[in-house]
Amino acid sequence: MPGPAVDDLCHSSRGQALGNHSLTEEERAQIEGRIAILEIEHHDLDDVIARLSANPGQDQLQLRRFKKRKLVLKDSLARLRAMLVPDIPA
């Protein structure tokens, strides 16, 4: 889940999504750092899920929780990456 500073970057005071043109270098660096952290966690969950799936005796509830967390991370990564894509004028 993104930290508060990254969440603050996602929306302006009116609740509208910010475009890339609104990001400062510091904000861009914060987003890129958060992406790197989430990618590591996502990869780690991949490994854990693969190991648990290989052993049918493992706790299925825990496995489902890991899979759900992995999906949440994937959504967060997509949202953060979209913040780094420049707006294309219509």
PDB file of N, CA and C in Angstrom:
ATOM      1  N   MET A   1       0.846  -1.171   0.000  1.00  0.00           N
ATOM      2  CA  MET A   1       0.000   0.000   0.000  1.00  0.00           C
ATOM      3  C   MET A   1       0.888   1.229   0.000  1.00  0.00           C
ATOM      4  N   PRO A   2       0.599   2.232  -0.833  1.00  0.00           N
ATOM      5  CA  PRO A   2       1.461   3.401  -0.891  1.00  0.00           C
ATOM      6  C   PRO A   2       1.473   4.145   0.426  1.00  0.00           C
ATOM      7  N   GLY A   3       2.589   4.789   0.701  1.00  0.00           N
ATOM      8  CA  GLY A   3       2.689   5.587   1.901  1.00  0.00           C
ATOM      9  C   GLY A   3       1.916   6.880   1.759  1.00  0.00           C
ATOM     10  N   PRO A   4       1.696   7.602   2.867  1.00  0.00           N
ATOM     11  CA  PRO A   4       0.910   8.832   2.832  1.00  0.00           C
ATOM     12  C   PRO A   4       1.468   9.877   1.875  1.00  0.00           C
ATOM     13  N   ALA A   5       2.780  10.009   1.803  1.00  0.00           N
ATOM     14  CA  ALA A   5       3.364  11.024   0.923  1.00  0.00           C
ATOM     15  C   ALA A   5       3.035  10.733  -0.533  1.00  0.00           C
ATOM     16  N   VAL A   6       3.091   9.460  -0.921  1.00  0.00           N
ATOM     17  CA  VAL A   6       2.771   9.081  -2.295  1.00  0.00           C
ATOM     18  C   VAL A   6       1.286   9.243  -2.534  1.00  0.00           C
ATOM     19  N   ASP A   7       0.445   8.886  -1.544  1.00  0.00           N
ATOM     20  CA  ASP A   7      -0.996   9.084  -1.690  1.00  0.00           C
ATOM     21  C   ASP A   7      -1.323  10.560  -1.888  1.00  0.00           C
ATOM     22  N   ASP A   8      -0.621  11.439  -1.184  1.00  0.00           N
ATOM     23  CA  ASP A   8      -0.848  12.872  -1.337  1.00  0.00           C
ATOM     24  C   ASP A   8      -0.533  13.328  -2.751  1.00  0.00           C
ATOM     25  N   LEU A   9       0.407  12.674  -3.403  1.00  0.00           N
ATOM     26  CA  LEU A   9       0.778  13.039  -4.762  1.00  0.00           C
ATOM     27  C   LEU A   9      -0.290  12.646  -5.770  1.00  0.00           C
ATOM     28  N   CYS A  10      -1.099  11.656  -5.401  1.00  0.00           N
ATOM     29  CA  CYS A  10      -2.074  11.109  -6.343  1.00  0.00           C
ATOM     30  C   CYS A  10      -3.235  12.050  -6.625  1.00  0.00           C
ATOM     31  N   HIS A  11      -3.539  12.934  -5.700  1.00  0.00           N
ATOM     32  CA  HIS A  11      -4.713  13.770  -5.872  1.00  0.00           C
ATOM     33  C   HIS A  11      -4.421  15.212  -5.457  1.00  0.00           C
ATOM     34  N   SER A  12      -5.010  16.111  -6.180  1.00  0.00           N
ATOM     35  CA  SER A  12      -4.902  17.525  -5.828  1.00  0.00           C
ATOM     36  C   SER A  12      -5.886  17.826  -4.721  1.00  0.00           C
ATOM     37  N   SER A  13      -5.942  19.067  -4.258  1.00  0.00           N
ATOM     38  CA  SER A  13      -6.839  19.433  -3.181  1.00  0.00           C
ATOM     39  C   SER A  13      -8.302  19.285  -3.579  1.00  0.00           C
ATOM     40  N   ARG A  14      -8.613  19.280  -4.865  1.00  0.00           N
ATOM     41  CA  ARG A  14      -9.992  19.109  -5.327  1.00  0.00           C
ATOM     42  C   ARG A  14     -10.304  17.644  -5.604  1.00  0.00           C
ATOM     43  N   GLY A  15      -9.356  16.738  -5.328  1.00  0.00           N
ATOM     44  CA  GLY A  15      -9.597  15.323  -5.504  1.00  0.00           C
ATOM     45  C   GLY A  15      -9.377  14.827  -6.923  1.00  0.00           C
ATOM     46  N   GLN A  16      -8.824  15.655  -7.789  1.00  0.00           N
ATOM     47  CA  GLN A  16      -8.570  15.241  -9.161  1.00  0.00           C
ATOM     48  C   GLN A  16      -7.171  14.653  -9.247  1.00  0.00           C
ATOM     49  N   ALA A  17      -7.032  13.681 -10.135  1.00  0.00           N
ATOM     50  CA  ALA A  17      -5.719  13.060 -10.329  1.00  0.00           C
ATOM     51  C   ALA A  17      -4.763  14.077 -10.930  1.00  0.00           C
ATOM     52  N   LEU A  18      -3.540  14.036 -10.458  1.00  0.00           N
ATOM     53  CA  LEU A  18      -2.520  14.931 -10.989  1.00  0.00           C
ATOM     54  C   LEU A  18      -1.917  14.339 -12.249  1.00  0.00           C
ATOM     55  N   GLY A  19      -1.598  15.166 -13.192  1.00  0.00           N
ATOM     56  CA  GLY A  19      -0.893  14.724 -14.386  1.00  0.00           C
ATOM     57  C   GLY A  19       0.596  14.808 -14.150  1.00  0.00           C
ATOM     58  N   ASN A  20       1.366  14.239 -15.058  1.00  0.00           N
ATOM     59  CA  ASN A  20       2.813  14.244 -14.956  1.00  0.00           C
ATOM     60  C   ASN A  20       3.357  15.664 -14.924  1.00  0.00           C
ATOM     61  N   HIS A  21       2.740  16.594 -15.637  1.00  0.00           N
ATOM     62  CA  HIS A  21       3.237  17.962 -15.701  1.00  0.00           C
ATOM     63  C   HIS A  21       3.246  18.624 -14.329  1.00  0.00           C
ATOM     64  N   SER A  22       2.538  18.058 -13.363  1.00  0.00           N
ATOM     65  CA  SER A  22       2.457  18.636 -12.033  1.00  0.00           C
ATOM     66  C   SER A  22       3.527  18.094 -11.085  1.00  0.00           C
ATOM     67  N   LEU A  23       4.271  17.094 -11.500  1.00  0.00           N
ATOM     68  CA  LEU A  23       5.233  16.463 -10.609  1.00  0.00           C
ATOM     69  C   LEU A  23       6.555  17.221 -10.587  1.00  0.00           C
ATOM     70  N   THR A  24       7.055  17.432  -9.386  1.00  0.00           N
ATOM     71  CA  THR A  24       8.395  17.983  -9.246  1.00  0.00           C
ATOM     72  C   THR A  24       9.382  16.822  -9.319  1.00  0.00           C
ATOM     73  N   GLU A  25      10.652  17.142  -9.425  1.00  0.00           N
ATOM     74  CA  GLU A  25      11.672  16.092  -9.450  1.00  0.00           C
ATOM     75  C   GLU A  25      11.657  15.289  -8.150  1.00  0.00           C
ATOM     76  N   GLU A  26      11.419  15.971  -7.040  1.00  0.00           N
ATOM     77  CA  GLU A  26      11.370  15.284  -5.746  1.00  0.00           C
ATOM     78  C   GLU A  26      10.178  14.327  -5.690  1.00  0.00           C
ATOM     79  N   GLU A  27       9.026  14.763  -6.172  1.00  0.00           N
ATOM     80  CA  GLU A  27       7.845  13.903  -6.197  1.00  0.00           C
ATOM     81  C   GLU A  27       8.069  12.708  -7.111  1.00  0.00           C
ATOM     82  N   ARG A  28       8.668  12.954  -8.276  1.00  0.00           N
ATOM     83  CA  ARG A  28       8.971  11.865  -9.211  1.00  0.00           C
ATOM     84  C   ARG A  28       9.911  10.850  -8.545  1.00  0.00           C
ATOM     85  N   ALA A  29      10.919  11.330  -7.841  1.00  0.00           N
ATOM     86  CA  ALA A  29      11.865  10.441  -7.161  1.00  0.00           C
ATOM     87  C   ALA A  29      11.169   9.639  -6.067  1.00  0.00           C
ATOM     88  N   GLN A  30      10.232  10.268  -5.341  1.00  0.00           N
ATOM     89  CA  GLN A  30       9.483   9.552  -4.307  1.00  0.00           C
ATOM     90  C   GLN A  30       8.648   8.434  -4.927  1.00  0.00           C
ATOM     91  N   ILE A  31       7.994   8.733  -6.028  1.00  0.00           N
ATOM     92  CA  ILE A  31       7.166   7.731  -6.703  1.00  0.00           C
ATOM     93  C   ILE A  31       8.032   6.602  -7.218  1.00  0.00           C
ATOM     94  N   GLU A  32       9.152   6.918  -7.844  1.00  0.00           N
ATOM     95  CA  GLU A  32      10.045   5.883  -8.367  1.00  0.00           C
ATOM     96  C   GLU A  32      10.599   5.015  -7.240  1.00  0.00           C
ATOM     97  N   GLY A  33      10.904   5.621  -6.098  1.00  0.00           N
ATOM     98  CA  GLY A  33      11.384   4.862  -4.944  1.00  0.00           C
ATOM     99  C   GLY A  33      10.318   3.931  -4.408  1.00  0.00           C
ATOM    100  N   ARG A  34       9.090   4.427  -4.357  1.00  0.00           N
ATOM    101  CA  ARG A  34       7.984   3.599  -3.877  1.00  0.00           C
ATOM    102  C   ARG A  34       7.728   2.434  -4.839  1.00  0.00           C
ATOM    103  N   ILE A  35       7.834   2.702  -6.136  1.00  0.00           N
ATOM    104  CA  ILE A  35       7.671   1.646  -7.137  1.00  0.00           C
ATOM    105  C   ILE A  35       8.719   0.559  -6.918  1.00  0.00           C
ATOM    106  N   ALA A  36       9.956   0.943  -6.690  1.00  0.00           N
ATOM    107  CA  ALA A  36      11.027  -0.033  -6.480  1.00  0.00           C
ATOM    108  C   ALA A  36      10.734  -0.912  -5.262  1.00  0.00           C
ATOM    109  N   ILE A  37      10.253  -0.317  -4.189  1.00  0.00           N
ATOM    110  CA  ILE A  37       9.935  -1.071  -2.974  1.00  0.00           C
ATOM    111  C   ILE A  37       8.792  -2.042  -3.230  1.00  0.00           C
ATOM    112  N   LEU A  38       7.748  -1.569  -3.904  1.00  0.00           N
ATOM    113  CA  LEU A  38       6.599  -2.422  -4.180  1.00  0.00           C
ATOM    114  C   LEU A  38       6.941  -3.553  -5.140  1.00  0.00           C
ATOM    115  N   GLU A  39       7.834  -3.291  -6.102  1.00  0.00           N
ATOM    116  CA  GLU A  39       8.259  -4.346  -7.030  1.00  0.00           C
ATOM    117  C   GLU A  39       8.989  -5.465  -6.292  1.00  0.00           C
ATOM    118  N   ILE A  40       9.808  -5.100  -5.315  1.00  0.00           N
ATOM    119  CA  ILE A  40      10.522  -6.104  -4.518  1.00  0.00           C
ATOM    120  C   ILE A  40       9.523  -6.937  -3.720  1.00  0.00           C
ATOM    121  N   GLU A  41       8.569  -6.265  -3.081  1.00  0.00           N
ATOM    122  CA  GLU A  41       7.562  -6.996  -2.300  1.00  0.00           C
ATOM    123  C   GLU A  41       6.732  -7.908  -3.209  1.00  0.00           C
ATOM    124  N   HIS A  42       6.378  -7.420  -4.393  1.00  0.00           N
ATOM    125  CA  HIS A  42       5.600  -8.215  -5.351  1.00  0.00           C
ATOM    126  C   HIS A  42       6.378  -9.466  -5.764  1.00  0.00           C
ATOM    127  N   HIS A  43       7.660  -9.292  -6.053  1.00  0.00           N
ATOM    128  CA  HIS A  43       8.510 -10.424  -6.440  1.00  0.00           C
ATOM    129  C   HIS A  43       8.644 -11.419  -5.281  1.00  0.00           C
ATOM    130  N   ASP A  44       8.830 -10.909  -4.081  1.00  0.00           N
ATOM    131  CA  ASP A  44       8.937 -11.781  -2.904  1.00  0.00           C
ATOM    132  C   ASP A  44       7.661 -12.591  -2.713  1.00  0.00           C
ATOM    133  N   LEU A  45       6.510 -11.953  -2.903  1.00  0.00           N
ATOM    134  CA  LEU A  45       5.245 -12.673  -2.781  1.00  0.00           C
ATOM    135  C   LEU A  45       5.111 -13.752  -3.847  1.00  0.00           C
ATOM    136  N   ASP A  46       5.612 -13.472  -5.050  1.00  0.00           N
ATOM    137  CA  ASP A  46       5.631 -14.484  -6.109  1.00  0.00           C
ATOM    138  C   ASP A  46       6.339 -15.745  -5.618  1.00  0.00           C
ATOM    139  N   ASP A  47       7.493 -15.555  -5.022  1.00  0.00           N
ATOM    140  CA  ASP A  47       8.283 -16.684  -4.524  1.00  0.00           C
ATOM    141  C   ASP A  47       7.549 -17.438  -3.419  1.00  0.00           C
ATOM    142  N   VAL A  48       6.974 -16.700  -2.476  1.00  0.00           N
ATOM    143  CA  VAL A  48       6.256 -17.326  -1.363  1.00  0.00           C
ATOM    144  C   VAL A  48       5.048 -18.107  -1.879  1.00  0.00           C
ATOM    145  N   ILE A  49       4.289 -17.502  -2.779  1.00  0.00           N
ATOM    146  CA  ILE A  49       3.102 -18.162  -3.338  1.00  0.00           C
ATOM    147  C   ILE A  49       3.494 -19.430  -4.091  1.00  0.00           C
ATOM    148  N   ALA A  50       4.564 -19.365  -4.848  1.00  0.00           N
ATOM    149  CA  ALA A  50       5.018 -20.546  -5.593  1.00  0.00           C
ATOM    150  C   ALA A  50       5.401 -21.674  -4.642  1.00  0.00           C
ATOM    151  N   ARG A  51       6.111 -21.340  -3.563  1.00  0.00           N
ATOM    152  CA  ARG A  51       6.513 -22.365  -2.605  1.00  0.00           C
ATOM    153  C   ARG A  51       5.308 -22.961  -1.881  1.00  0.00           C
ATOM    154  N   LEU A  52       4.372 -22.107  -1.468  1.00  0.00           N
ATOM    155  CA  LEU A  52       3.186 -22.599  -0.769  1.00  0.00           C
ATOM    156  C   LEU A  52       2.294 -23.428  -1.697  1.00  0.00           C
ATOM    157  N   SER A  53       2.202 -23.029  -2.948  1.00  0.00           N
ATOM    158  CA  SER A  53       1.367 -23.756  -3.908  1.00  0.00           C
ATOM    159  C   SER A  53       1.923 -25.137  -4.210  1.00  0.00           C
ATOM    160  N   ALA A  54       3.217 -25.293  -4.100  1.00  0.00           N
ATOM    161  CA  ALA A  54       3.859 -26.575  -4.377  1.00  0.00           C
ATOM    162  C   ALA A  54       3.565 -27.605  -3.286  1.00  0.00           C
ATOM    163  N   ASN A  55       3.184 -27.136  -2.109  1.00  0.00           N
ATOM    164  CA  ASN A  55       2.898 -28.025  -0.990  1.00  0.00           C
ATOM    165  C   ASN A  55       1.406 -27.975  -0.675  1.00  0.00           C
ATOM    166  N   PRO A  56       0.637 -28.996  -1.078  1.00  0.00           N
ATOM    167  CA  PRO A  56      -0.806 -28.966  -0.900  1.00  0.00           C
ATOM    168  C   PRO A  56      -1.255 -28.945   0.569  1.00  0.00           C
ATOM    169  N   GLY A  57      -0.397 -29.265   1.481  1.00  0.00           N
ATOM    170  CA  GLY A  57      -0.749 -29.264   2.899  1.00  0.00           C
ATOM    171  C   GLY A  57      -0.715 -27.892   3.545  1.00  0.00           C
ATOM    172  N   GLN A  58      -0.337 -26.888   2.798  1.00  0.00           N
ATOM    173  CA  GLN A  58      -0.215 -25.538   3.351  1.00  0.00           C
ATOM    174  C   GLN A  58      -1.581 -24.916   3.599  1.00  0.00           C
ATOM    175  N   ASP A  59      -1.599 -23.934   4.460  1.00  0.00           N
ATOM    176  CA  ASP A  59      -2.806 -23.199   4.822  1.00  0.00           C
ATOM    177  C   ASP A  59      -3.343 -22.444   3.607  1.00  0.00           C
ATOM    178  N   GLN A  60      -4.508 -22.850   3.114  1.00  0.00           N
ATOM    179  CA  GLN A  60      -5.089 -22.240   1.920  1.00  0.00           C
ATOM    180  C   GLN A  60      -5.557 -20.812   2.179  1.00  0.00           C
ATOM    181  N   LEU A  61      -5.988 -20.521   3.399  1.00  0.00           N
ATOM    182  CA  LEU A  61      -6.393 -19.156   3.737  1.00  0.00           C
ATOM    183  C   LEU A  61      -5.200 -18.209   3.636  1.00  0.00           C
ATOM    184  N   GLN A  62      -4.075 -18.641   4.160  1.00  0.00           N
ATOM    185  CA  GLN A  62      -2.870 -17.816   4.085  1.00  0.00           C
ATOM    186  C   GLN A  62      -2.452 -17.622   2.630  1.00  0.00           C
ATOM    187  N   LEU A  63      -2.554 -18.661   1.836  1.00  0.00           N
ATOM    188  CA  LEU A  63      -2.206 -18.569   0.416  1.00  0.00           C
ATOM    189  C   LEU A  63      -3.112 -17.555  -0.289  1.00  0.00           C
ATOM    190  N   ARG A  64      -4.411 -17.593  -0.008  1.00  0.00           N
ATOM    191  CA  ARG A  64      -5.337 -16.618  -0.604  1.00  0.00           C
ATOM    192  C   ARG A  64      -5.005 -15.199  -0.172  1.00  0.00           C
ATOM    193  N   ARG A  65      -4.601 -15.025   1.077  1.00  0.00           N
ATOM    194  CA  ARG A  65      -4.225 -13.691   1.563  1.00  0.00           C
ATOM    195  C   ARG A  65      -2.992 -13.166   0.827  1.00  0.00           C
ATOM    196  N   PHE A  66      -2.029 -14.048   0.608  1.00  0.00           N
ATOM    197  CA  PHE A  66      -0.834 -13.641  -0.143  1.00  0.00           C
ATOM    198  C   PHE A  66      -1.199 -13.250  -1.571  1.00  0.00           C
ATOM    199  N   LYS A  67      -2.071 -14.029  -2.187  1.00  0.00           N
ATOM    200  CA  LYS A  67      -2.488 -13.722  -3.559  1.00  0.00           C
ATOM    201  C   LYS A  67      -3.246 -12.394  -3.624  1.00  0.00           C
ATOM    202  N   LYS A  68      -4.084 -12.151  -2.647  1.00  0.00           N
ATOM    203  CA  LYS A  68      -4.819 -10.881  -2.617  1.00  0.00           C
ATOM    204  C   LYS A  68      -3.855  -9.711  -2.437  1.00  0.00           C
ATOM    205  N   ARG A  69      -2.892  -9.866  -1.552  1.00  0.00           N
ATOM    206  CA  ARG A  69      -1.897  -8.809  -1.324  1.00  0.00           C
ATOM    207  C   ARG A  69      -1.110  -8.541  -2.604  1.00  0.00           C
ATOM    208  N   LYS A  70      -0.794  -9.613  -3.327  1.00  0.00           N
ATOM    209  CA  LYS A  70      -0.055  -9.466  -4.583  1.00  0.00           C
ATOM    210  C   LYS A  70      -0.872  -8.661  -5.598  1.00  0.00           C
ATOM    211  N   LEU A  71      -2.180  -8.900  -5.666  1.00  0.00           N
ATOM    212  CA  LEU A  71      -3.041  -8.136  -6.567  1.00  0.00           C
ATOM    213  C   LEU A  71      -3.131  -6.666  -6.158  1.00  0.00           C
ATOM    214  N   VAL A  72      -3.190  -6.417  -4.865  1.00  0.00           N
ATOM    215  CA  VAL A  72      -3.212  -5.031  -4.378  1.00  0.00           C
ATOM    216  C   VAL A  72      -1.919  -4.323  -4.774  1.00  0.00           C
ATOM    217  N   LEU A  73      -0.794  -5.024  -4.634  1.00  0.00           N
ATOM    218  CA  LEU A  73       0.496  -4.453  -5.026  1.00  0.00           C
ATOM    219  C   LEU A  73       0.521  -4.167  -6.526  1.00  0.00           C
ATOM    220  N   LYS A  74      -0.001  -5.090  -7.322  1.00  0.00           N
ATOM    221  CA  LYS A  74      -0.030  -4.905  -8.772  1.00  0.00           C
ATOM    222  C   LYS A  74      -0.834  -3.659  -9.136  1.00  0.00           C
ATOM    223  N   ASP A  75      -1.990  -3.480  -8.495  1.00  0.00           N
ATOM    224  CA  ASP A  75      -2.817  -2.288  -8.748  1.00  0.00           C
ATOM    225  C   ASP A  75      -2.092  -1.016  -8.332  1.00  0.00           C
ATOM    226  N   SER A  76      -1.444  -1.055  -7.193  1.00  0.00           N
ATOM    227  CA  SER A  76      -0.700   0.118  -6.716  1.00  0.00           C
ATOM    228  C   SER A  76       0.437   0.468  -7.667  1.00  0.00           C
ATOM    229  N   LEU A  77       1.138  -0.560  -8.130  1.00  0.00           N
ATOM    230  CA  LEU A  77       2.231  -0.328  -9.083  1.00  0.00           C
ATOM    231  C   LEU A  77       1.711   0.296 -10.373  1.00  0.00           C
ATOM    232  N   ALA A  78       0.596  -0.201 -10.869  1.00  0.00           N
ATOM    233  CA  ALA A  78       0.025   0.348 -12.106  1.00  0.00           C
ATOM    234  C   ALA A  78      -0.366   1.808 -11.918  1.00  0.00           C
ATOM    235  N   ARG A  79      -0.976   2.125 -10.780  1.00  0.00           N
ATOM    236  CA  ARG A  79      -1.388   3.508 -10.506  1.00  0.00           C
ATOM    237  C   ARG A  79      -0.173   4.433 -10.407  1.00  0.00           C
ATOM    238  N   LEU A  80       0.867   3.978  -9.719  1.00  0.00           N
ATOM    239  CA  LEU A  80       2.064   4.807  -9.565  1.00  0.00           C
ATOM    240  C   LEU A  80       2.786   4.990 -10.899  1.00  0.00           C
ATOM    241  N   ARG A  81       2.873   3.924 -11.680  1.00  0.00           N
ATOM    242  CA  ARG A  81       3.526   4.040 -12.996  1.00  0.00           C
ATOM    243  C   ARG A  81       2.753   4.993 -13.902  1.00  0.00           C
ATOM    244  N   ALA A  82       1.427   4.964 -13.813  1.00  0.00           N
ATOM    245  CA  ALA A  82       0.610   5.859 -14.627  1.00  0.00           C
ATOM    246  C   ALA A  82       0.864   7.325 -14.264  1.00  0.00           C
ATOM    247  N   MET A  83       1.229   7.577 -13.024  1.00  0.00           N
ATOM    248  CA  MET A  83       1.534   8.945 -12.594  1.00  0.00           C
ATOM    249  C   MET A  83       2.803   9.467 -13.268  1.00  0.00           C
ATOM    250  N   LEU A  84       3.676   8.555 -13.671  1.00  0.00           N
ATOM    251  CA  LEU A  84       4.944   8.962 -14.281  1.00  0.00           C
ATOM    252  C   LEU A  84       4.845   9.139 -15.787  1.00  0.00           C
ATOM    253  N   VAL A  85       3.733   8.726 -16.382  1.00  0.00           N
ATOM    254  CA  VAL A  85       3.548   8.853 -17.834  1.00  0.00           C
ATOM    255  C   VAL A  85       3.109  10.270 -18.146  1.00  0.00           C
ATOM    256  N   PRO A  86       3.796  10.933 -19.082  1.00  0.00           N
ATOM    257  CA  PRO A  86       3.417  12.317 -19.387  1.00  0.00           C
ATOM    258  C   PRO A  86       2.044  12.389 -20.025  1.00  0.00           C
ATOM    259  N   ASP A  87       1.344  13.473 -19.724  1.00  0.00           N
ATOM    260  CA  ASP A  87       0.050  13.724 -20.355  1.00  0.00           C
ATOM    261  C   ASP A  87       0.258  14.032 -21.820  1.00  0.00           C
ATOM    262  N   ILE A  88      -0.615  13.496 -22.654  1.00  0.00           N
ATOM    263  CA  ILE A  88      -0.542  13.755 -24.090  1.00  0.00           C
ATOM    264  C   ILE A  88      -1.656  14.746 -24.420  1.00  0.00           C
ATOM    265  N   PRO A  89      -1.305  15.905 -24.956  1.00  0.00           N
ATOM    266  CA  PRO A  89      -2.351  16.880 -25.280  1.00  0.00           C
ATOM    267  C   PRO A  89      -3.281  16.324 -26.367  1.00  0.00           C
ATOM    268  N   ALA A  90      -4.555  16.631 -26.222  1.00  0.00           N
ATOM    269  CA  ALA A  90      -5.545  16.141 -27.185  1.00  0.00           C
ATOM    270  C   ALA A  90      -5.501  16.928 -28.473  1.00  0.00           C
TER     271      ALA A  90
END
